[in-house]
ModelCIF file with pLDDT and N, C-alpha, C, O atoms, coordinates in Angstrom:
data_MODEL
#
_entry.id   MODEL 
#
_entity.id                         1 
_entity.type                       polymer 
_entity.pdbx_number_of_molecules   1 
#
_entity_poly.entity_id                      1 
_entity_poly.type                           'polypeptide(L)' 
_entity_poly.nstd_linkage                   no 
_entity_poly.nstd_monomer                   no 
_entity_poly.pdbx_seq_one_letter_code       LRDAASAPVIPGDPIETAEDYFRTDLELAWSPTDALITRAIVRNL 
_entity_poly.pdbx_seq_one_letter_code_can   LRDAASAPVIPGDPIETAEDYFRTDLELAWSPTDALITRAIVRNL 
_entity_poly.pdbx_strand_id                 A 
#
loop_
_entity_poly_seq.entity_id 
_entity_poly_seq.num 
_entity_poly_seq.mon_id 
_entity_poly_seq.hetero 
1 1  LEU n 
1 2  ARG n 
1 3  ASP n 
1 4  ALA n 
1 5  ALA n 
1 6  SER n 
1 7  ALA n 
1 8  PRO n 
1 9  VAL n 
1 10 ILE n 
1 11 PRO n 
1 12 GLY n 
1 13 ASP n 
1 14 PRO n 
1 15 ILE n 
1 16 GLU n 
1 17 THR n 
1 18 ALA n 
1 19 GLU n 
1 20 ASP n 
1 21 TYR n 
1 22 PHE n 
1 23 ARG n 
1 24 THR n 
1 25 ASP n 
1 26 LEU n 
1 27 GLU n 
1 28 LEU n 
1 29 ALA n 
1 30 TRP n 
1 31 SER n 
1 32 PRO n 
1 33 THR n 
1 34 ASP n 
1 35 ALA n 
1 36 LEU n 
1 37 ILE n 
1 38 THR n 
1 39 ARG n 
1 40 ALA n 
1 41 ILE n 
1 42 VAL n 
1 43 ARG n 
1 44 ASN n 
1 45 LEU n 
#
_struct_asym.id          A 
_struct_asym.entity_id   1 
#
loop_
_ma_qa_metric.id 
_ma_qa_metric.mode 
_ma_qa_metric.name 
_ma_qa_metric.software_group_id 
_ma_qa_metric.type 
1 global pLDDT . pLDDT 
2 local  pLDDT . pLDDT 
#
_ma_qa_metric_global.metric_id      1 
_ma_qa_metric_global.metric_value   79.44 
_ma_qa_metric_global.model_id       1 
_ma_qa_metric_global.ordinal_id     1 
#
loop_
_ma_qa_metric_local.label_asym_id 
_ma_qa_metric_local.label_comp_id 
_ma_qa_metric_local.label_seq_id 
_ma_qa_metric_local.metric_id 
_ma_qa_metric_local.metric_value 
_ma_qa_metric_local.model_id 
_ma_qa_metric_local.ordinal_id 
A LEU 1  2 84.00 1 1  
A ARG 2  2 72.00 1 2  
A ASP 3  2 59.00 1 3  
A ALA 4  2 52.00 1 4  
A ALA 5  2 47.00 1 5  
A SER 6  2 50.00 1 6  
A ALA 7  2 49.00 1 7  
A PRO 8  2 51.00 1 8  
A VAL 9  2 53.00 1 9  
A ILE 10 2 55.00 1 10 
A PRO 11 2 58.00 1 11 
A GLY 12 2 57.00 1 12 
A ASP 13 2 54.00 1 13 
A PRO 14 2 54.00 1 14 
A ILE 15 2 53.00 1 15 
A GLU 16 2 56.00 1 16 
A THR 17 2 59.00 1 17 
A ALA 18 2 61.00 1 18 
A GLU 19 2 74.00 1 19 
A ASP 20 2 82.00 1 20 
A TYR 21 2 88.00 1 21 
A PHE 22 2 93.00 1 22 
A ARG 23 2 95.00 1 23 
A THR 24 2 97.00 1 24 
A ASP 25 2 98.00 1 25 
A LEU 26 2 98.00 1 26 
A GLU 27 2 98.00 1 27 
A LEU 28 2 98.00 1 28 
A ALA 29 2 97.00 1 29 
A TRP 30 2 97.00 1 30 
A SER 31 2 96.00 1 31 
A PRO 32 2 94.00 1 32 
A THR 33 2 93.00 1 33 
A ASP 34 2 90.00 1 34 
A ALA 35 2 95.00 1 35 
A LEU 36 2 96.00 1 36 
A ILE 37 2 96.00 1 37 
A THR 38 2 97.00 1 38 
A ARG 39 2 97.00 1 39 
A ALA 40 2 98.00 1 40 
A ILE 41 2 97.00 1 41 
A VAL 42 2 98.00 1 42 
A ARG 43 2 97.00 1 43 
A ASN 44 2 96.00 1 44 
A LEU 45 2 96.00 1 45 
#
loop_
_atom_site.group_PDB 
_atom_site.id 
_atom_site.type_symbol 
_atom_site.label_atom_id 
_atom_site.label_alt_id 
_atom_site.label_comp_id 
_atom_site.label_asym_id 
_atom_site.label_entity_id 
_atom_site.label_seq_id 
_atom_site.pdbx_PDB_ins_code 
_atom_site.Cartn_x 
_atom_site.Cartn_y 
_atom_site.Cartn_z 
_atom_site.occupancy 
_atom_site.B_iso_or_equiv 
_atom_site.pdbx_formal_charge 
_atom_site.auth_seq_id 
_atom_site.auth_comp_id 
_atom_site.auth_asym_id 
_atom_site.auth_atom_id 
_atom_site.pdbx_PDB_model_num 
ATOM 1   N N  . LEU A 1 1  ? 102.383 92.805  85.965 1.00 84.00 ? 1  LEU A N  1 
ATOM 2   C CA . LEU A 1 1  ? 102.562 91.425  86.504 1.00 84.00 ? 1  LEU A CA 1 
ATOM 3   C C  . LEU A 1 1  ? 102.746 90.586  85.390 1.00 84.00 ? 1  LEU A C  1 
ATOM 4   O O  . LEU A 1 1  ? 101.995 90.575  84.415 1.00 84.00 ? 1  LEU A O  1 
ATOM 5   N N  . ARG A 1 2  ? 103.848 89.812  85.546 1.00 72.00 ? 2  ARG A N  1 
ATOM 6   C CA . ARG A 1 2  ? 104.484 88.947  84.408 1.00 72.00 ? 2  ARG A CA 1 
ATOM 7   C C  . ARG A 1 2  ? 104.489 87.575  84.859 1.00 72.00 ? 2  ARG A C  1 
ATOM 8   O O  . ARG A 1 2  ? 105.519 87.016  85.236 1.00 72.00 ? 2  ARG A O  1 
ATOM 9   N N  . ASP A 1 3  ? 103.239 86.967  84.822 1.00 59.00 ? 3  ASP A N  1 
ATOM 10  C CA . ASP A 1 3  ? 103.030 85.512  85.340 1.00 59.00 ? 3  ASP A CA 1 
ATOM 11  C C  . ASP A 1 3  ? 103.246 84.718  84.154 1.00 59.00 ? 3  ASP A C  1 
ATOM 12  O O  . ASP A 1 3  ? 102.305 84.135  83.616 1.00 59.00 ? 3  ASP A O  1 
ATOM 13  N N  . ALA A 1 4  ? 104.393 84.660  83.725 1.00 52.00 ? 4  ALA A N  1 
ATOM 14  C CA . ALA A 1 4  ? 104.965 83.843  82.526 1.00 52.00 ? 4  ALA A CA 1 
ATOM 15  C C  . ALA A 1 4  ? 106.201 83.332  82.867 1.00 52.00 ? 4  ALA A C  1 
ATOM 16  O O  . ALA A 1 4  ? 106.754 83.837  83.844 1.00 52.00 ? 4  ALA A O  1 
ATOM 17  N N  . ALA A 1 5  ? 106.863 82.262  82.155 1.00 47.00 ? 5  ALA A N  1 
ATOM 18  C CA . ALA A 1 5  ? 107.924 81.790  82.091 1.00 47.00 ? 5  ALA A CA 1 
ATOM 19  C C  . ALA A 1 5  ? 108.779 82.075  80.892 1.00 47.00 ? 5  ALA A C  1 
ATOM 20  O O  . ALA A 1 5  ? 108.074 82.238  79.896 1.00 47.00 ? 5  ALA A O  1 
ATOM 21  N N  . SER A 1 6  ? 110.090 82.192  80.649 1.00 50.00 ? 6  SER A N  1 
ATOM 22  C CA . SER A 1 6  ? 110.789 82.643  79.745 1.00 50.00 ? 6  SER A CA 1 
ATOM 23  C C  . SER A 1 6  ? 111.657 81.442  78.980 1.00 50.00 ? 6  SER A C  1 
ATOM 24  O O  . SER A 1 6  ? 112.329 80.651  79.642 1.00 50.00 ? 6  SER A O  1 
ATOM 25  N N  . ALA A 1 7  ? 111.598 81.390  77.825 1.00 49.00 ? 7  ALA A N  1 
ATOM 26  C CA . ALA A 1 7  ? 112.242 80.170  77.215 1.00 49.00 ? 7  ALA A CA 1 
ATOM 27  C C  . ALA A 1 7  ? 113.655 80.453  77.272 1.00 49.00 ? 7  ALA A C  1 
ATOM 28  O O  . ALA A 1 7  ? 113.920 81.638  77.066 1.00 49.00 ? 7  ALA A O  1 
ATOM 29  N N  . PRO A 1 8  ? 114.582 79.734  77.484 1.00 51.00 ? 8  PRO A N  1 
ATOM 30  C CA . PRO A 1 8  ? 116.151 80.030  77.556 1.00 51.00 ? 8  PRO A CA 1 
ATOM 31  C C  . PRO A 1 8  ? 116.697 80.426  76.146 1.00 51.00 ? 8  PRO A C  1 
ATOM 32  O O  . PRO A 1 8  ? 116.181 79.768  75.242 1.00 51.00 ? 8  PRO A O  1 
ATOM 33  N N  . VAL A 1 9  ? 117.426 81.156  75.834 1.00 53.00 ? 9  VAL A N  1 
ATOM 34  C CA . VAL A 1 9  ? 117.892 81.967  74.727 1.00 53.00 ? 9  VAL A CA 1 
ATOM 35  C C  . VAL A 1 9  ? 118.866 80.728  74.137 1.00 53.00 ? 9  VAL A C  1 
ATOM 36  O O  . VAL A 1 9  ? 118.722 80.362  72.971 1.00 53.00 ? 9  VAL A O  1 
ATOM 37  N N  . ILE A 1 10 ? 119.761 80.172  74.923 1.00 55.00 ? 10 ILE A N  1 
ATOM 38  C CA . ILE A 1 10 ? 120.733 79.077  74.386 1.00 55.00 ? 10 ILE A CA 1 
ATOM 39  C C  . ILE A 1 10 ? 120.078 77.694  74.955 1.00 55.00 ? 10 ILE A C  1 
ATOM 40  O O  . ILE A 1 10 ? 119.941 77.442  76.152 1.00 55.00 ? 10 ILE A O  1 
ATOM 41  N N  . PRO A 1 11 ? 119.729 76.916  73.963 1.00 58.00 ? 11 PRO A N  1 
ATOM 42  C CA . PRO A 1 11 ? 119.285 75.748  74.241 1.00 58.00 ? 11 PRO A CA 1 
ATOM 43  C C  . PRO A 1 11 ? 119.988 74.988  75.451 1.00 58.00 ? 11 PRO A C  1 
ATOM 44  O O  . PRO A 1 11 ? 121.216 75.062  75.480 1.00 58.00 ? 11 PRO A O  1 
ATOM 45  N N  . GLY A 1 12 ? 119.295 74.208  76.532 1.00 57.00 ? 12 GLY A N  1 
ATOM 46  C CA . GLY A 1 12 ? 120.076 73.609  77.564 1.00 57.00 ? 12 GLY A CA 1 
ATOM 47  C C  . GLY A 1 12 ? 120.041 74.727  78.884 1.00 57.00 ? 12 GLY A C  1 
ATOM 48  O O  . GLY A 1 12 ? 120.162 74.258  80.016 1.00 57.00 ? 12 GLY A O  1 
ATOM 49  N N  . ASP A 1 13 ? 119.897 75.989  78.734 1.00 54.00 ? 13 ASP A N  1 
ATOM 50  C CA . ASP A 1 13 ? 119.972 76.806  79.846 1.00 54.00 ? 13 ASP A CA 1 
ATOM 51  C C  . ASP A 1 13 ? 118.641 76.695  80.582 1.00 54.00 ? 13 ASP A C  1 
ATOM 52  O O  . ASP A 1 13 ? 117.620 76.375  79.972 1.00 54.00 ? 13 ASP A O  1 
ATOM 53  N N  . PRO A 1 14 ? 118.645 76.968  81.942 1.00 54.00 ? 14 PRO A N  1 
ATOM 54  C CA . PRO A 1 14 ? 117.333 76.719  82.711 1.00 54.00 ? 14 PRO A CA 1 
ATOM 55  C C  . PRO A 1 14 ? 116.432 77.694  82.282 1.00 54.00 ? 14 PRO A C  1 
ATOM 56  O O  . PRO A 1 14 ? 116.813 78.756  81.789 1.00 54.00 ? 14 PRO A O  1 
ATOM 57  N N  . ILE A 1 15 ? 115.178 77.377  82.452 1.00 53.00 ? 15 ILE A N  1 
ATOM 58  C CA . ILE A 1 15 ? 113.999 78.283  82.185 1.00 53.00 ? 15 ILE A CA 1 
ATOM 59  C C  . ILE A 1 15 ? 113.811 79.265  83.335 1.00 53.00 ? 15 ILE A C  1 
ATOM 60  O O  . ILE A 1 15 ? 113.696 78.953  84.521 1.00 53.00 ? 15 ILE A O  1 
ATOM 61  N N  . GLU A 1 16 ? 113.797 80.448  82.843 1.00 56.00 ? 16 GLU A N  1 
ATOM 62  C CA . GLU A 1 16 ? 113.622 81.762  83.793 1.00 56.00 ? 16 GLU A CA 1 
ATOM 63  C C  . GLU A 1 16 ? 112.328 82.042  84.143 1.00 56.00 ? 16 GLU A C  1 
ATOM 64  O O  . GLU A 1 16 ? 111.389 81.923  83.356 1.00 56.00 ? 16 GLU A O  1 
ATOM 65  N N  . THR A 1 17 ? 112.215 82.436  85.368 1.00 59.00 ? 17 THR A N  1 
ATOM 66  C CA . THR A 1 17 ? 110.737 82.948  85.745 1.00 59.00 ? 17 THR A CA 1 
ATOM 67  C C  . THR A 1 17 ? 110.743 84.506  85.580 1.00 59.00 ? 17 THR A C  1 
ATOM 68  O O  . THR A 1 17 ? 111.602 85.193  86.133 1.00 59.00 ? 17 THR A O  1 
ATOM 69  N N  . ALA A 1 18 ? 109.899 84.959  84.914 1.00 61.00 ? 18 ALA A N  1 
ATOM 70  C CA . ALA A 1 18 ? 109.688 86.299  84.630 1.00 61.00 ? 18 ALA A CA 1 
ATOM 71  C C  . ALA A 1 18 ? 109.335 87.213  86.011 1.00 61.00 ? 18 ALA A C  1 
ATOM 72  O O  . ALA A 1 18 ? 108.475 86.889  86.830 1.00 61.00 ? 18 ALA A O  1 
ATOM 73  N N  . GLU A 1 19 ? 110.065 88.256  86.084 1.00 74.00 ? 19 GLU A N  1 
ATOM 74  C CA . GLU A 1 19 ? 109.827 88.866  87.461 1.00 74.00 ? 19 GLU A CA 1 
ATOM 75  C C  . GLU A 1 19 ? 108.691 90.135  87.128 1.00 74.00 ? 19 GLU A C  1 
ATOM 76  O O  . GLU A 1 19 ? 108.474 90.563  85.995 1.00 74.00 ? 19 GLU A O  1 
ATOM 77  N N  . ASP A 1 20 ? 108.185 90.509  88.084 1.00 82.00 ? 20 ASP A N  1 
ATOM 78  C CA . ASP A 1 20 ? 107.139 91.482  88.162 1.00 82.00 ? 20 ASP A CA 1 
ATOM 79  C C  . ASP A 1 20 ? 108.053 92.903  88.037 1.00 82.00 ? 20 ASP A C  1 
ATOM 80  O O  . ASP A 1 20 ? 109.165 92.961  88.563 1.00 82.00 ? 20 ASP A O  1 
ATOM 81  N N  . TYR A 1 21 ? 107.476 94.046  87.287 1.00 88.00 ? 21 TYR A N  1 
ATOM 82  C CA . TYR A 1 21 ? 107.998 95.213  87.130 1.00 88.00 ? 21 TYR A CA 1 
ATOM 83  C C  . TYR A 1 21 ? 107.286 96.333  87.871 1.00 88.00 ? 21 TYR A C  1 
ATOM 84  O O  . TYR A 1 21 ? 106.092 96.593  87.716 1.00 88.00 ? 21 TYR A O  1 
ATOM 85  N N  . PHE A 1 22 ? 108.032 96.913  88.607 1.00 93.00 ? 22 PHE A N  1 
ATOM 86  C CA . PHE A 1 22 ? 107.301 98.021  89.438 1.00 93.00 ? 22 PHE A CA 1 
ATOM 87  C C  . PHE A 1 22 ? 108.427 99.285  89.378 1.00 93.00 ? 22 PHE A C  1 
ATOM 88  O O  . PHE A 1 22 ? 109.619 99.112  89.630 1.00 93.00 ? 22 PHE A O  1 
ATOM 89  N N  . ARG A 1 23 ? 107.919 100.404 89.052 1.00 95.00 ? 23 ARG A N  1 
ATOM 90  C CA . ARG A 1 23 ? 108.367 101.648 88.910 1.00 95.00 ? 23 ARG A CA 1 
ATOM 91  C C  . ARG A 1 23 ? 107.718 102.791 89.503 1.00 95.00 ? 23 ARG A C  1 
ATOM 92  O O  . ARG A 1 23 ? 106.495 102.925 89.461 1.00 95.00 ? 23 ARG A O  1 
ATOM 93  N N  . THR A 1 24 ? 108.430 103.553 90.012 1.00 97.00 ? 24 THR A N  1 
ATOM 94  C CA . THR A 1 24 ? 107.679 105.042 90.615 1.00 97.00 ? 24 THR A CA 1 
ATOM 95  C C  . THR A 1 24 ? 108.561 106.231 90.050 1.00 97.00 ? 24 THR A C  1 
ATOM 96  O O  . THR A 1 24 ? 109.775 106.322 90.231 1.00 97.00 ? 24 THR A O  1 
ATOM 97  N N  . ASP A 1 25 ? 107.787 107.124 89.343 1.00 98.00 ? 25 ASP A N  1 
ATOM 98  C CA . ASP A 1 25 ? 108.584 108.211 88.782 1.00 98.00 ? 25 ASP A CA 1 
ATOM 99  C C  . ASP A 1 25 ? 107.673 109.435 89.578 1.00 98.00 ? 25 ASP A C  1 
ATOM 100 O O  . ASP A 1 25 ? 106.490 109.390 89.916 1.00 98.00 ? 25 ASP A O  1 
ATOM 101 N N  . LEU A 1 26 ? 108.538 110.394 89.723 1.00 98.00 ? 26 LEU A N  1 
ATOM 102 C CA . LEU A 1 26 ? 108.197 111.726 90.579 1.00 98.00 ? 26 LEU A CA 1 
ATOM 103 C C  . LEU A 1 26 ? 108.411 113.041 89.881 1.00 98.00 ? 26 LEU A C  1 
ATOM 104 O O  . LEU A 1 26 ? 109.582 113.347 89.659 1.00 98.00 ? 26 LEU A O  1 
ATOM 105 N N  . GLU A 1 27 ? 107.565 113.773 89.543 1.00 98.00 ? 27 GLU A N  1 
ATOM 106 C CA . GLU A 1 27 ? 107.672 115.178 88.996 1.00 98.00 ? 27 GLU A CA 1 
ATOM 107 C C  . GLU A 1 27 ? 107.164 116.185 89.738 1.00 98.00 ? 27 GLU A C  1 
ATOM 108 O O  . GLU A 1 27 ? 105.984 116.284 90.074 1.00 98.00 ? 27 GLU A O  1 
ATOM 109 N N  . LEU A 1 28 ? 108.320 117.173 90.082 1.00 98.00 ? 28 LEU A N  1 
ATOM 110 C CA . LEU A 1 28 ? 107.851 118.414 90.792 1.00 98.00 ? 28 LEU A CA 1 
ATOM 111 C C  . LEU A 1 28 ? 107.864 119.559 89.650 1.00 98.00 ? 28 LEU A C  1 
ATOM 112 O O  . LEU A 1 28 ? 108.763 119.474 88.814 1.00 98.00 ? 28 LEU A O  1 
ATOM 113 N N  . ALA A 1 29 ? 106.927 120.636 89.545 1.00 97.00 ? 29 ALA A N  1 
ATOM 114 C CA . ALA A 1 29 ? 106.885 121.532 88.659 1.00 97.00 ? 29 ALA A CA 1 
ATOM 115 C C  . ALA A 1 29 ? 106.755 122.876 89.412 1.00 97.00 ? 29 ALA A C  1 
ATOM 116 O O  . ALA A 1 29 ? 106.103 123.000 90.449 1.00 97.00 ? 29 ALA A O  1 
ATOM 117 N N  . TRP A 1 30 ? 107.408 123.834 88.823 1.00 97.00 ? 30 TRP A N  1 
ATOM 118 C CA . TRP A 1 30 ? 107.252 125.384 89.302 1.00 97.00 ? 30 TRP A CA 1 
ATOM 119 C C  . TRP A 1 30 ? 107.026 125.893 88.234 1.00 97.00 ? 30 TRP A C  1 
ATOM 120 O O  . TRP A 1 30 ? 107.501 125.497 87.170 1.00 97.00 ? 30 TRP A O  1 
ATOM 121 N N  . SER A 1 31 ? 106.004 127.176 88.422 1.00 96.00 ? 31 SER A N  1 
ATOM 122 C CA . SER A 1 31 ? 105.622 127.916 87.252 1.00 96.00 ? 31 SER A CA 1 
ATOM 123 C C  . SER A 1 31 ? 105.458 129.270 87.529 1.00 96.00 ? 31 SER A C  1 
ATOM 124 O O  . SER A 1 31 ? 104.357 129.817 87.473 1.00 96.00 ? 31 SER A O  1 
ATOM 125 N N  . PRO A 1 32 ? 106.642 129.925 87.868 1.00 94.00 ? 32 PRO A N  1 
ATOM 126 C CA . PRO A 1 32 ? 106.405 131.578 88.251 1.00 94.00 ? 32 PRO A CA 1 
ATOM 127 C C  . PRO A 1 32 ? 105.788 132.490 87.502 1.00 94.00 ? 32 PRO A C  1 
ATOM 128 O O  . PRO A 1 32 ? 105.411 133.589 87.908 1.00 94.00 ? 32 PRO A O  1 
ATOM 129 N N  . THR A 1 33 ? 105.651 131.991 86.209 1.00 93.00 ? 33 THR A N  1 
ATOM 130 C CA . THR A 1 33 ? 104.621 132.892 85.397 1.00 93.00 ? 33 THR A CA 1 
ATOM 131 C C  . THR A 1 33 ? 104.129 131.770 84.336 1.00 93.00 ? 33 THR A C  1 
ATOM 132 O O  . THR A 1 33 ? 104.602 130.645 84.174 1.00 93.00 ? 33 THR A O  1 
ATOM 133 N N  . ASP A 1 34 ? 102.847 132.500 83.532 1.00 90.00 ? 34 ASP A N  1 
ATOM 134 C CA . ASP A 1 34 ? 102.201 131.792 82.626 1.00 90.00 ? 34 ASP A CA 1 
ATOM 135 C C  . ASP A 1 34 ? 102.983 131.167 81.667 1.00 90.00 ? 34 ASP A C  1 
ATOM 136 O O  . ASP A 1 34 ? 102.852 130.019 81.243 1.00 90.00 ? 34 ASP A O  1 
ATOM 137 N N  . ALA A 1 35 ? 103.919 132.115 81.311 1.00 95.00 ? 35 ALA A N  1 
ATOM 138 C CA . ALA A 1 35 ? 104.916 131.407 80.275 1.00 95.00 ? 35 ALA A CA 1 
ATOM 139 C C  . ALA A 1 35 ? 106.112 130.656 80.389 1.00 95.00 ? 35 ALA A C  1 
ATOM 140 O O  . ALA A 1 35 ? 106.747 130.226 79.425 1.00 95.00 ? 35 ALA A O  1 
ATOM 141 N N  . LEU A 1 36 ? 106.428 130.497 81.653 1.00 96.00 ? 36 LEU A N  1 
ATOM 142 C CA . LEU A 1 36 ? 107.582 129.667 82.099 1.00 96.00 ? 36 LEU A CA 1 
ATOM 143 C C  . LEU A 1 36 ? 107.221 128.599 82.946 1.00 96.00 ? 36 LEU A C  1 
ATOM 144 O O  . LEU A 1 36 ? 106.565 128.840 83.960 1.00 96.00 ? 36 LEU A O  1 
ATOM 145 N N  . ILE A 1 37 ? 107.594 127.345 82.637 1.00 96.00 ? 37 ILE A N  1 
ATOM 146 C CA . ILE A 1 37 ? 107.324 126.019 83.600 1.00 96.00 ? 37 ILE A CA 1 
ATOM 147 C C  . ILE A 1 37 ? 108.953 125.405 83.735 1.00 96.00 ? 37 ILE A C  1 
ATOM 148 O O  . ILE A 1 37 ? 109.721 125.223 82.791 1.00 96.00 ? 37 ILE A O  1 
ATOM 149 N N  . THR A 1 38 ? 109.169 125.204 84.882 1.00 97.00 ? 38 THR A N  1 
ATOM 150 C CA . THR A 1 38 ? 110.414 124.370 85.140 1.00 97.00 ? 38 THR A CA 1 
ATOM 151 C C  . THR A 1 38 ? 109.899 123.035 85.845 1.00 97.00 ? 38 THR A C  1 
ATOM 152 O O  . THR A 1 38 ? 108.968 123.037 86.651 1.00 97.00 ? 38 THR A O  1 
ATOM 153 N N  . ARG A 1 39 ? 110.582 121.928 85.470 1.00 97.00 ? 39 ARG A N  1 
ATOM 154 C CA . ARG A 1 39 ? 110.149 120.541 85.998 1.00 97.00 ? 39 ARG A CA 1 
ATOM 155 C C  . ARG A 1 39 ? 111.490 119.767 86.220 1.00 97.00 ? 39 ARG A C  1 
ATOM 156 O O  . ARG A 1 39 ? 112.406 119.650 85.406 1.00 97.00 ? 39 ARG A O  1 
ATOM 157 N N  . ALA A 1 40 ? 111.417 119.252 87.516 1.00 98.00 ? 40 ALA A N  1 
ATOM 158 C CA . ALA A 1 40 ? 112.527 118.037 87.931 1.00 98.00 ? 40 ALA A CA 1 
ATOM 159 C C  . ALA A 1 40 ? 111.799 116.837 87.965 1.00 98.00 ? 40 ALA A C  1 
ATOM 160 O O  . ALA A 1 40 ? 110.833 116.749 88.723 1.00 98.00 ? 40 ALA A O  1 
ATOM 161 N N  . ILE A 1 41 ? 112.145 115.869 87.222 1.00 97.00 ? 41 ILE A N  1 
ATOM 162 C CA . ILE A 1 41 ? 111.359 114.492 87.284 1.00 97.00 ? 41 ILE A CA 1 
ATOM 163 C C  . ILE A 1 41 ? 112.634 113.358 87.546 1.00 97.00 ? 41 ILE A C  1 
ATOM 164 O O  . ILE A 1 41 ? 113.656 113.146 86.894 1.00 97.00 ? 41 ILE A O  1 
ATOM 165 N N  . VAL A 1 42 ? 112.162 112.808 88.649 1.00 98.00 ? 42 VAL A N  1 
ATOM 166 C CA . VAL A 1 42 ? 112.967 111.552 89.068 1.00 98.00 ? 42 VAL A CA 1 
ATOM 167 C C  . VAL A 1 42 ? 112.373 110.487 88.539 1.00 98.00 ? 42 VAL A C  1 
ATOM 168 O O  . VAL A 1 42 ? 111.220 110.258 88.906 1.00 98.00 ? 42 VAL A O  1 
ATOM 169 N N  . ARG A 1 43 ? 113.055 109.529 87.494 1.00 97.00 ? 43 ARG A N  1 
ATOM 170 C CA . ARG A 1 43 ? 112.564 108.293 87.215 1.00 97.00 ? 43 ARG A CA 1 
ATOM 171 C C  . ARG A 1 43 ? 112.950 107.198 87.901 1.00 97.00 ? 43 ARG A C  1 
ATOM 172 O O  . ARG A 1 43 ? 114.123 107.079 88.252 1.00 97.00 ? 43 ARG A O  1 
ATOM 173 N N  . ASN A 1 44 ? 112.138 106.383 88.141 1.00 96.00 ? 44 ASN A N  1 
ATOM 174 C CA . ASN A 1 44 ? 112.612 104.979 88.911 1.00 96.00 ? 44 ASN A CA 1 
ATOM 175 C C  . ASN A 1 44 ? 113.166 105.382 90.198 1.00 96.00 ? 44 ASN A C  1 
ATOM 176 O O  . ASN A 1 44 ? 114.344 105.203 90.507 1.00 96.00 ? 44 ASN A O  1 
ATOM 177 N N  . LEU A 1 45 ? 112.174 106.003 91.036 1.00 96.00 ? 45 LEU A N  1 
ATOM 178 C CA . LEU A 1 45 ? 112.730 106.937 92.323 1.00 96.00 ? 45 LEU A CA 1 
ATOM 179 C C  . LEU A 1 45 ? 113.421 105.768 93.261 1.00 96.00 ? 45 LEU A C  1 
ATOM 180 O O  . LEU A 1 45 ? 113.955 106.069 94.329 1.00 96.00 ? 45 LEU A O  1 
#
């Protein structure tokens, strides 16, 4: 939650409101044996 205002990079530009960040990651793992693990990871679902 970014309850903040950002100063402009170039003087004279308008002040920007920082937006909230929300991200969901999903991981599915399959381990057919104790020695082997496979994973599929979807970031920013």
